[in-house]
Amino acid sequence: MRADRARKLLEAYDLTPFQKEVLVATASIPKGETRTYKQIAAAAHRPNAYRAVGSVMRINPLAPIIPCHRVVKSDGSLGNYSAKGGTNKKERLLRSEGAL
């Protein structure tokens, strides 16, 4: 999804500027690819806020339009997934997209 479309969709939600930047960066992850929490934090201009990125993923109001399941840990593990089905669902989604 293009950044401008993501920004427009996110206008309807009461989010902080940081939360919006994290979600815009997440929206730009192409199908079949992943990014780390650290990469998303850097894209949101807060390179040390990678733990806060995880908090934003938990409140993503536009999942799966904004594909928070494509954000993984730097060590290659999947990290958490707050949607129904948890980490198992995250793994299934990534496999179905060819990212794993």
PDB file of N, CA and C in Angstrom:
ATOM      1  N   MET A   1       0.845  -1.172   0.000  1.00  0.00           N
ATOM      2  CA  MET A   1       0.000   0.000   0.000  1.00  0.00           C
ATOM      3  C   MET A   1       0.891   1.237   0.000  1.00  0.00           C
ATOM      4  N   ARG A   2       0.483   2.206  -0.723  1.00  0.00           N
ATOM      5  CA  ARG A   2       1.248   3.457  -0.773  1.00  0.00           C
ATOM      6  C   ARG A   2       1.087   4.239   0.525  1.00  0.00           C
ATOM      7  N   ALA A   3       2.134   4.965   0.878  1.00  0.00           N
ATOM      8  CA  ALA A   3       2.153   5.714   2.139  1.00  0.00           C
ATOM      9  C   ALA A   3       1.024   6.738   2.206  1.00  0.00           C
ATOM     10  N   ASP A   4       0.744   7.418   1.101  1.00  0.00           N
ATOM     11  CA  ASP A   4      -0.293   8.447   1.135  1.00  0.00           C
ATOM     12  C   ASP A   4      -1.680   7.842   1.384  1.00  0.00           C
ATOM     13  N   ARG A   5      -1.937   6.661   0.833  1.00  0.00           N
ATOM     14  CA  ARG A   5      -3.218   5.992   1.082  1.00  0.00           C
ATOM     15  C   ARG A   5      -3.316   5.554   2.537  1.00  0.00           C
ATOM     16  N   ALA A   6      -2.229   5.018   3.078  1.00  0.00           N
ATOM     17  CA  ALA A   6      -2.229   4.596   4.480  1.00  0.00           C
ATOM     18  C   ALA A   6      -2.480   5.793   5.395  1.00  0.00           C
ATOM     19  N   ARG A   7      -1.806   6.904   5.117  1.00  0.00           N
ATOM     20  CA  ARG A   7      -2.011   8.103   5.948  1.00  0.00           C
ATOM     21  C   ARG A   7      -3.468   8.545   5.919  1.00  0.00           C
ATOM     22  N   LYS A   8      -4.060   8.520   4.741  1.00  0.00           N
ATOM     23  CA  LYS A   8      -5.453   8.939   4.604  1.00  0.00           C
ATOM     24  C   LYS A   8      -6.381   8.016   5.401  1.00  0.00           C
ATOM     25  N   LEU A   9      -6.175   6.716   5.301  1.00  0.00           N
ATOM     26  CA  LEU A   9      -6.997   5.768   6.044  1.00  0.00           C
ATOM     27  C   LEU A   9      -6.848   5.940   7.553  1.00  0.00           C
ATOM     28  N   LEU A  10      -5.636   6.261   7.990  1.00  0.00           N
ATOM     29  CA  LEU A  10      -5.366   6.390   9.427  1.00  0.00           C
ATOM     30  C   LEU A  10      -5.903   7.678  10.031  1.00  0.00           C
ATOM     31  N   GLU A  11      -6.297   8.642   9.187  1.00  0.00           N
ATOM     32  CA  GLU A  11      -6.855   9.906   9.694  1.00  0.00           C
ATOM     33  C   GLU A  11      -8.099   9.678  10.555  1.00  0.00           C
ATOM     34  N   ALA A  12      -8.807   8.604  10.287  1.00  0.00           N
ATOM     35  CA  ALA A  12     -10.056   8.330  10.999  1.00  0.00           C
ATOM     36  C   ALA A  12      -9.842   7.827  12.425  1.00  0.00           C
ATOM     37  N   TYR A  13      -8.587   7.583  12.802  1.00  0.00           N
ATOM     38  CA  TYR A  13      -8.290   6.981  14.100  1.00  0.00           C
ATOM     39  C   TYR A  13      -7.505   7.945  14.978  1.00  0.00           C
ATOM     40  N   ASP A  14      -7.753   7.867  16.271  1.00  0.00           N
ATOM     41  CA  ASP A  14      -7.075   8.715  17.245  1.00  0.00           C
ATOM     42  C   ASP A  14      -5.724   8.086  17.597  1.00  0.00           C
ATOM     43  N   LEU A  15      -4.713   8.385  16.784  1.00  0.00           N
ATOM     44  CA  LEU A  15      -3.377   7.824  16.957  1.00  0.00           C
ATOM     45  C   LEU A  15      -2.358   8.946  17.106  1.00  0.00           C
ATOM     46  N   THR A  16      -1.274   8.651  17.791  1.00  0.00           N
ATOM     47  CA  THR A  16      -0.194   9.626  17.909  1.00  0.00           C
ATOM     48  C   THR A  16       0.557   9.699  16.576  1.00  0.00           C
ATOM     49  N   PRO A  17       1.321  10.777  16.361  1.00  0.00           N
ATOM     50  CA  PRO A  17       2.130  10.846  15.141  1.00  0.00           C
ATOM     51  C   PRO A  17       3.073   9.644  14.995  1.00  0.00           C
ATOM     52  N   PHE A  18       3.674   9.192  16.105  1.00  0.00           N
ATOM     53  CA  PHE A  18       4.557   8.030  16.047  1.00  0.00           C
ATOM     54  C   PHE A  18       3.787   6.790  15.610  1.00  0.00           C
ATOM     55  N   GLN A  19       2.631   6.562  16.194  1.00  0.00           N
ATOM     56  CA  GLN A  19       1.831   5.396  15.827  1.00  0.00           C
ATOM     57  C   GLN A  19       1.476   5.427  14.341  1.00  0.00           C
ATOM     58  N   LYS A  20       1.118   6.588  13.847  1.00  0.00           N
ATOM     59  CA  LYS A  20       0.794   6.709  12.424  1.00  0.00           C
ATOM     60  C   LYS A  20       2.006   6.404  11.552  1.00  0.00           C
ATOM     61  N   GLU A  21       3.172   6.927  11.922  1.00  0.00           N
ATOM     62  CA  GLU A  21       4.381   6.675  11.129  1.00  0.00           C
ATOM     63  C   GLU A  21       4.748   5.195  11.120  1.00  0.00           C
ATOM     64  N   VAL A  22       4.584   4.541  12.266  1.00  0.00           N
ATOM     65  CA  VAL A  22       4.854   3.102  12.344  1.00  0.00           C
ATOM     66  C   VAL A  22       3.909   2.349  11.417  1.00  0.00           C
ATOM     67  N   LEU A  23       2.645   2.686  11.453  1.00  0.00           N
ATOM     68  CA  LEU A  23       1.668   1.978  10.630  1.00  0.00           C
ATOM     69  C   LEU A  23       1.846   2.283   9.145  1.00  0.00           C
ATOM     70  N   VAL A  24       2.242   3.498   8.809  1.00  0.00           N
ATOM     71  CA  VAL A  24       2.530   3.834   7.412  1.00  0.00           C
ATOM     72  C   VAL A  24       3.728   3.025   6.926  1.00  0.00           C
ATOM     73  N   ALA A  25       4.770   2.934   7.743  1.00  0.00           N
ATOM     74  CA  ALA A  25       5.945   2.133   7.369  1.00  0.00           C
ATOM     75  C   ALA A  25       5.570   0.666   7.216  1.00  0.00           C
ATOM     76  N   THR A  26       4.724   0.180   8.075  1.00  0.00           N
ATOM     77  CA  THR A  26       4.280  -1.210   8.004  1.00  0.00           C
ATOM     78  C   THR A  26       3.448  -1.454   6.752  1.00  0.00           C
ATOM     79  N   ALA A  27       2.630  -0.489   6.394  1.00  0.00           N
ATOM     80  CA  ALA A  27       1.784  -0.629   5.203  1.00  0.00           C
ATOM     81  C   ALA A  27       2.601  -0.782   3.928  1.00  0.00           C
ATOM     82  N   SER A  28       3.818  -0.284   3.951  1.00  0.00           N
ATOM     83  CA  SER A  28       4.642  -0.322   2.736  1.00  0.00           C
ATOM     84  C   SER A  28       5.401  -1.644   2.556  1.00  0.00           C
ATOM     85  N   ILE A  29       5.276  -2.581   3.482  1.00  0.00           N
ATOM     86  CA  ILE A  29       5.969  -3.868   3.351  1.00  0.00           C
ATOM     87  C   ILE A  29       5.270  -4.690   2.266  1.00  0.00           C
ATOM     88  N   PRO A  30       5.973  -5.027   1.207  1.00  0.00           N
ATOM     89  CA  PRO A  30       5.330  -5.793   0.132  1.00  0.00           C
ATOM     90  C   PRO A  30       4.975  -7.219   0.558  1.00  0.00           C
ATOM     91  N   LYS A  31       3.960  -7.751  -0.069  1.00  0.00           N
ATOM     92  CA  LYS A  31       3.575  -9.144   0.152  1.00  0.00           C
ATOM     93  C   LYS A  31       4.768 -10.029  -0.182  1.00  0.00           C
ATOM     94  N   GLY A  32       5.018 -11.010   0.681  1.00  0.00           N
ATOM     95  CA  GLY A  32       6.136 -11.919   0.472  1.00  0.00           C
ATOM     96  C   GLY A  32       7.425 -11.454   1.116  1.00  0.00           C
ATOM     97  N   GLU A  33       7.383 -10.304   1.792  1.00  0.00           N
ATOM     98  CA  GLU A  33       8.563  -9.779   2.472  1.00  0.00           C
ATOM     99  C   GLU A  33       8.228  -9.499   3.926  1.00  0.00           C
ATOM    100  N   THR A  34       9.270  -9.368   4.729  1.00  0.00           N
ATOM    101  CA  THR A  34       9.111  -8.977   6.128  1.00  0.00           C
ATOM    102  C   THR A  34      10.070  -7.829   6.427  1.00  0.00           C
ATOM    103  N   ARG A  35       9.825  -7.170   7.540  1.00  0.00           N
ATOM    104  CA  ARG A  35      10.734  -6.170   8.090  1.00  0.00           C
ATOM    105  C   ARG A  35      10.824  -6.443   9.578  1.00  0.00           C
ATOM    106  N   THR A  36      11.911  -6.009  10.180  1.00  0.00           N
ATOM    107  CA  THR A  36      12.050  -6.189  11.618  1.00  0.00           C
ATOM    108  C   THR A  36      11.429  -5.009  12.362  1.00  0.00           C
ATOM    109  N   TYR A  37      11.162  -5.244  13.627  1.00  0.00           N
ATOM    110  CA  TYR A  37      10.661  -4.159  14.469  1.00  0.00           C
ATOM    111  C   TYR A  37      11.645  -2.997  14.441  1.00  0.00           C
ATOM    112  N   LYS A  38      12.925  -3.317  14.430  1.00  0.00           N
ATOM    113  CA  LYS A  38      13.965  -2.288  14.408  1.00  0.00           C
ATOM    114  C   LYS A  38      13.931  -1.492  13.092  1.00  0.00           C
ATOM    115  N   GLN A  39      13.726  -2.173  11.968  1.00  0.00           N
ATOM    116  CA  GLN A  39      13.640  -1.478  10.677  1.00  0.00           C
ATOM    117  C   GLN A  39      12.425  -0.549  10.635  1.00  0.00           C
ATOM    118  N   ILE A  40      11.329  -1.005  11.194  1.00  0.00           N
ATOM    119  CA  ILE A  40      10.125  -0.163  11.221  1.00  0.00           C
ATOM    120  C   ILE A  40      10.349   1.045  12.127  1.00  0.00           C
ATOM    121  N   ALA A  41      11.001   0.851  13.259  1.00  0.00           N
ATOM    122  CA  ALA A  41      11.307   1.971  14.153  1.00  0.00           C
ATOM    123  C   ALA A  41      12.167   3.007  13.428  1.00  0.00           C
ATOM    124  N   ALA A  42      13.164   2.556  12.696  1.00  0.00           N
ATOM    125  CA  ALA A  42      14.025   3.476  11.945  1.00  0.00           C
ATOM    126  C   ALA A  42      13.217   4.213  10.880  1.00  0.00           C
ATOM    127  N   ALA A  43      12.323   3.514  10.198  1.00  0.00           N
ATOM    128  CA  ALA A  43      11.497   4.145   9.172  1.00  0.00           C
ATOM    129  C   ALA A  43      10.558   5.188   9.766  1.00  0.00           C
ATOM    130  N   ALA A  44      10.220   5.015  11.046  1.00  0.00           N
ATOM    131  CA  ALA A  44       9.358   5.968  11.749  1.00  0.00           C
ATOM    132  C   ALA A  44      10.173   7.061  12.439  1.00  0.00           C
ATOM    133  N   HIS A  45      11.457   7.129  12.111  1.00  0.00           N
ATOM    134  CA  HIS A  45      12.380   8.162  12.614  1.00  0.00           C
ATOM    135  C   HIS A  45      12.639   8.078  14.116  1.00  0.00           C
ATOM    136  N   ARG A  46      12.500   6.876  14.674  1.00  0.00           N
ATOM    137  CA  ARG A  46      12.794   6.630  16.082  1.00  0.00           C
ATOM    138  C   ARG A  46      13.534   5.301  16.179  1.00  0.00           C
ATOM    139  N   PRO A  47      14.797   5.241  15.745  1.00  0.00           N
ATOM    140  CA  PRO A  47      15.510   3.971  15.598  1.00  0.00           C
ATOM    141  C   PRO A  47      15.643   3.137  16.867  1.00  0.00           C
ATOM    142  N   ASN A  48      15.538   3.735  18.019  1.00  0.00           N
ATOM    143  CA  ASN A  48      15.655   2.974  19.263  1.00  0.00           C
ATOM    144  C   ASN A  48      14.306   2.576  19.849  1.00  0.00           C
ATOM    145  N   ALA A  49      13.232   2.862  19.140  1.00  0.00           N
ATOM    146  CA  ALA A  49      11.888   2.612  19.661  1.00  0.00           C
ATOM    147  C   ALA A  49      11.297   1.307  19.138  1.00  0.00           C
ATOM    148  N   TYR A  50      12.146   0.313  18.911  1.00  0.00           N
ATOM    149  CA  TYR A  50      11.650  -0.935  18.324  1.00  0.00           C
ATOM    150  C   TYR A  50      10.686  -1.674  19.237  1.00  0.00           C
ATOM    151  N   ARG A  51      10.834  -1.559  20.543  1.00  0.00           N
ATOM    152  CA  ARG A  51       9.862  -2.196  21.447  1.00  0.00           C
ATOM    153  C   ARG A  51       8.508  -1.490  21.355  1.00  0.00           C
ATOM    154  N   ALA A  52       8.543  -0.175  21.179  1.00  0.00           N
ATOM    155  CA  ALA A  52       7.299   0.579  21.030  1.00  0.00           C
ATOM    156  C   ALA A  52       6.581   0.202  19.736  1.00  0.00           C
ATOM    157  N   VAL A  53       7.335  -0.204  18.726  1.00  0.00           N
ATOM    158  CA  VAL A  53       6.724  -0.661  17.473  1.00  0.00           C
ATOM    159  C   VAL A  53       5.817  -1.851  17.751  1.00  0.00           C
ATOM    160  N   GLY A  54       6.269  -2.762  18.589  1.00  0.00           N
ATOM    161  CA  GLY A  54       5.445  -3.913  18.955  1.00  0.00           C
ATOM    162  C   GLY A  54       4.133  -3.494  19.597  1.00  0.00           C
ATOM    163  N   SER A  55       4.180  -2.456  20.414  1.00  0.00           N
ATOM    164  CA  SER A  55       2.964  -1.944  21.041  1.00  0.00           C
ATOM    165  C   SER A  55       2.005  -1.383  19.999  1.00  0.00           C
ATOM    166  N   VAL A  56       2.545  -0.733  18.992  1.00  0.00           N
ATOM    167  CA  VAL A  56       1.708  -0.192  17.924  1.00  0.00           C
ATOM    168  C   VAL A  56       1.090  -1.327  17.110  1.00  0.00           C
ATOM    169  N   MET A  57       1.849  -2.383  16.882  1.00  0.00           N
ATOM    170  CA  MET A  57       1.311  -3.519  16.116  1.00  0.00           C
ATOM    171  C   MET A  57       0.086  -4.105  16.817  1.00  0.00           C
ATOM    172  N   ARG A  58       0.102  -4.115  18.148  1.00  0.00           N
ATOM    173  CA  ARG A  58      -1.022  -4.675  18.911  1.00  0.00           C
ATOM    174  C   ARG A  58      -2.310  -3.870  18.745  1.00  0.00           C
ATOM    175  N   ILE A  59      -2.194  -2.588  18.415  1.00  0.00           N
ATOM    176  CA  ILE A  59      -3.397  -1.749  18.297  1.00  0.00           C
ATOM    177  C   ILE A  59      -3.718  -1.399  16.850  1.00  0.00           C
ATOM    178  N   ASN A  60      -3.084  -2.054  15.904  1.00  0.00           N
ATOM    179  CA  ASN A  60      -3.299  -1.778  14.486  1.00  0.00           C
ATOM    180  C   ASN A  60      -4.794  -1.825  14.159  1.00  0.00           C
ATOM    181  N   PRO A  61      -5.415  -0.675  13.864  1.00  0.00           N
ATOM    182  CA  PRO A  61      -6.850  -0.672  13.603  1.00  0.00           C
ATOM    183  C   PRO A  61      -7.215  -1.154  12.203  1.00  0.00           C
ATOM    184  N   LEU A  62      -6.226  -1.343  11.348  1.00  0.00           N
ATOM    185  CA  LEU A  62      -6.505  -1.694   9.959  1.00  0.00           C
ATOM    186  C   LEU A  62      -5.878  -3.016   9.531  1.00  0.00           C
ATOM    187  N   ALA A  63      -5.686  -3.919  10.471  1.00  0.00           N
ATOM    188  CA  ALA A  63      -5.187  -5.245  10.097  1.00  0.00           C
ATOM    189  C   ALA A  63      -6.304  -5.960   9.356  1.00  0.00           C
ATOM    190  N   PRO A  64      -6.065  -6.669   8.315  1.00  0.00           N
ATOM    191  CA  PRO A  64      -4.810  -6.957   7.633  1.00  0.00           C
ATOM    192  C   PRO A  64      -4.461  -5.979   6.511  1.00  0.00           C
ATOM    193  N   ILE A  65      -5.249  -4.899   6.358  1.00  0.00           N
ATOM    194  CA  ILE A  65      -4.915  -3.909   5.328  1.00  0.00           C
ATOM    195  C   ILE A  65      -3.510  -3.375   5.565  1.00  0.00           C
ATOM    196  N   ILE A  66      -3.211  -3.055   6.812  1.00  0.00           N
ATOM    197  CA  ILE A  66      -1.850  -2.726   7.209  1.00  0.00           C
ATOM    198  C   ILE A  66      -1.294  -4.005   7.821  1.00  0.00           C
ATOM    199  N   PRO A  67      -0.383  -4.670   7.114  1.00  0.00           N
ATOM    200  CA  PRO A  67       0.015  -6.041   7.427  1.00  0.00           C
ATOM    201  C   PRO A  67       1.025  -6.180   8.560  1.00  0.00           C
ATOM    202  N   CYS A  68       0.561  -6.003   9.782  1.00  0.00           N
ATOM    203  CA  CYS A  68       1.450  -6.092  10.938  1.00  0.00           C
ATOM    204  C   CYS A  68       2.056  -7.487  11.093  1.00  0.00           C
ATOM    205  N   HIS A  69       1.454  -8.488  10.477  1.00  0.00           N
ATOM    206  CA  HIS A  69       2.014  -9.844  10.557  1.00  0.00           C
ATOM    207  C   HIS A  69       3.355  -9.936   9.819  1.00  0.00           C
ATOM    208  N   ARG A  70       3.685  -8.965   8.997  1.00  0.00           N
ATOM    209  CA  ARG A  70       4.947  -8.969   8.249  1.00  0.00           C
ATOM    210  C   ARG A  70       6.114  -8.379   9.038  1.00  0.00           C
ATOM    211  N   VAL A  71       5.879  -8.013  10.287  1.00  0.00           N
ATOM    212  CA  VAL A  71       6.931  -7.462  11.140  1.00  0.00           C
ATOM    213  C   VAL A  71       7.419  -8.563  12.071  1.00  0.00           C
ATOM    214  N   VAL A  72       8.727  -8.822  12.031  1.00  0.00           N
ATOM    215  CA  VAL A  72       9.327  -9.925  12.787  1.00  0.00           C
ATOM    216  C   VAL A  72      10.495  -9.411  13.625  1.00  0.00           C
ATOM    217  N   LYS A  73      11.002 -10.278  14.486  1.00  0.00           N
ATOM    218  CA  LYS A  73      12.129  -9.907  15.348  1.00  0.00           C
ATOM    219  C   LYS A  73      13.446  -9.948  14.568  1.00  0.00           C
ATOM    220  N   SER A  74      14.425  -9.212  15.033  1.00  0.00           N
ATOM    221  CA  SER A  74      15.733  -9.138  14.377  1.00  0.00           C
ATOM    222  C   SER A  74      16.459 -10.475  14.339  1.00  0.00           C
ATOM    223  N   ASP A  75      16.156 -11.354  15.296  1.00  0.00           N
ATOM    224  CA  ASP A  75      16.826 -12.657  15.320  1.00  0.00           C
ATOM    225  C   ASP A  75      16.188 -13.662  14.362  1.00  0.00           C
ATOM    226  N   GLY A  76      15.184 -13.225  13.628  1.00  0.00           N
ATOM    227  CA  GLY A  76      14.526 -14.088  12.661  1.00  0.00           C
ATOM    228  C   GLY A  76      13.284 -14.784  13.184  1.00  0.00           C
ATOM    229  N   SER A  77      13.074 -14.742  14.497  1.00  0.00           N
ATOM    230  CA  SER A  77      11.857 -15.352  15.038  1.00  0.00           C
ATOM    231  C   SER A  77      10.666 -14.438  14.750  1.00  0.00           C
ATOM    232  N   LEU A  78       9.486 -15.005  14.859  1.00  0.00           N
ATOM    233  CA  LEU A  78       8.296 -14.272  14.434  1.00  0.00           C
ATOM    234  C   LEU A  78       7.871 -13.151  15.364  1.00  0.00           C
ATOM    235  N   GLY A  79       8.124 -13.287  16.629  1.00  0.00           N
ATOM    236  CA  GLY A  79       7.590 -12.316  17.574  1.00  0.00           C
ATOM    237  C   GLY A  79       6.129 -12.635  17.843  1.00  0.00           C
ATOM    238  N   ASN A  80       5.451 -11.772  18.539  1.00  0.00           N
ATOM    239  CA  ASN A  80       4.061 -12.014  18.915  1.00  0.00           C
ATOM    240  C   ASN A  80       3.107 -11.613  17.803  1.00  0.00           C
ATOM    241  N   TYR A  81       1.860 -12.056  17.964  1.00  0.00           N
ATOM    242  CA  TYR A  81       0.791 -11.679  17.049  1.00  0.00           C
ATOM    243  C   TYR A  81      -0.483 -11.685  17.863  1.00  0.00           C
ATOM    244  N   SER A  82      -1.113 -10.525  18.000  1.00  0.00           N
ATOM    245  CA  SER A  82      -2.241 -10.399  18.924  1.00  0.00           C
ATOM    246  C   SER A  82      -3.582 -10.812  18.322  1.00  0.00           C
ATOM    247  N   ALA A  83      -3.648 -11.036  17.040  1.00  0.00           N
ATOM    248  CA  ALA A  83      -4.911 -11.452  16.427  1.00  0.00           C
ATOM    249  C   ALA A  83      -5.263 -12.873  16.841  1.00  0.00           C
ATOM    250  N   LYS A  84      -6.508 -13.235  16.634  1.00  0.00           N
ATOM    251  CA  LYS A  84      -6.962 -14.586  16.959  1.00  0.00           C
ATOM    252  C   LYS A  84      -6.095 -15.593  16.216  1.00  0.00           C
ATOM    253  N   GLY A  85      -5.619 -16.583  16.935  1.00  0.00           N
ATOM    254  CA  GLY A  85      -4.732 -17.587  16.347  1.00  0.00           C
ATOM    255  C   GLY A  85      -3.281 -17.349  16.706  1.00  0.00           C
ATOM    256  N   GLY A  86      -2.976 -16.159  17.207  1.00  0.00           N
ATOM    257  CA  GLY A  86      -1.642 -15.847  17.700  1.00  0.00           C
ATOM    258  C   GLY A  86      -0.528 -16.091  16.705  1.00  0.00           C
ATOM    259  N   THR A  87       0.609 -16.501  17.238  1.00  0.00           N
ATOM    260  CA  THR A  87       1.814 -16.694  16.430  1.00  0.00           C
ATOM    261  C   THR A  87       1.634 -17.763  15.363  1.00  0.00           C
ATOM    262  N   ASN A  88       0.821 -18.781  15.646  1.00  0.00           N
ATOM    263  CA  ASN A  88       0.559 -19.816  14.634  1.00  0.00           C
ATOM    264  C   ASN A  88      -0.097 -19.209  13.404  1.00  0.00           C
ATOM    265  N   LYS A  89      -1.041 -18.296  13.616  1.00  0.00           N
ATOM    266  CA  LYS A  89      -1.692 -17.636  12.485  1.00  0.00           C
ATOM    267  C   LYS A  89      -0.698 -16.741  11.744  1.00  0.00           C
ATOM    268  N   LYS A  90       0.148 -16.042  12.485  1.00  0.00           N
ATOM    269  CA  LYS A  90       1.161 -15.191  11.857  1.00  0.00           C
ATOM    270  C   LYS A  90       2.046 -16.031  10.936  1.00  0.00           C
ATOM    271  N   GLU A  91       2.459 -17.180  11.424  1.00  0.00           N
ATOM    272  CA  GLU A  91       3.291 -18.064  10.615  1.00  0.00           C
ATOM    273  C   GLU A  91       2.542 -18.537   9.366  1.00  0.00           C
ATOM    274  N   ARG A  92       1.289 -18.910   9.529  1.00  0.00           N
ATOM    275  CA  ARG A  92       0.495 -19.356   8.366  1.00  0.00           C
ATOM    276  C   ARG A  92       0.352 -18.247   7.335  1.00  0.00           C
ATOM    277  N   LEU A  93       0.090 -17.027   7.794  1.00  0.00           N
ATOM    278  CA  LEU A  93      -0.036 -15.893   6.868  1.00  0.00           C
ATOM    279  C   LEU A  93       1.264 -15.662   6.097  1.00  0.00           C
ATOM    280  N   LEU A  94       2.373 -15.662   6.813  1.00  0.00           N
ATOM    281  CA  LEU A  94       3.670 -15.435   6.161  1.00  0.00           C
ATOM    282  C   LEU A  94       4.007 -16.547   5.183  1.00  0.00           C
ATOM    283  N   ARG A  95       3.701 -17.775   5.547  1.00  0.00           N
ATOM    284  CA  ARG A  95       3.933 -18.899   4.619  1.00  0.00           C
ATOM    285  C   ARG A  95       3.045 -18.764   3.378  1.00  0.00           C
ATOM    286  N   SER A  96       1.805 -18.387   3.555  1.00  0.00           N
ATOM    287  CA  SER A  96       0.886 -18.259   2.416  1.00  0.00           C
ATOM    288  C   SER A  96       1.326 -17.147   1.460  1.00  0.00           C
ATOM    289  N   GLU A  97       2.035 -16.160   1.992  1.00  0.00           N
ATOM    290  CA  GLU A  97       2.542 -15.058   1.165  1.00  0.00           C
ATOM    291  C   GLU A  97       3.922 -15.331   0.594  1.00  0.00           C
ATOM    292  N   GLY A  98       4.526 -16.446   0.995  1.00  0.00           N
ATOM    293  CA  GLY A  98       5.854 -16.774   0.499  1.00  0.00           C
ATOM    294  C   GLY A  98       6.985 -16.075   1.234  1.00  0.00           C
ATOM    295  N   ALA A  99       6.687 -15.528   2.407  1.00  0.00           N
ATOM    296  CA  ALA A  99       7.721 -14.821   3.183  1.00  0.00           C
ATOM    297  C   ALA A  99       8.524 -15.765   4.061  1.00  0.00           C
ATOM    298  N   LEU A 100       8.072 -16.981   4.240  1.00  0.00           N
ATOM    299  CA  LEU A 100       8.791 -17.992   5.039  1.00  0.00           C
ATOM    300  C   LEU A 100       9.045 -19.209   4.178  1.00  0.00           C
TER     301      LEU A 100
END
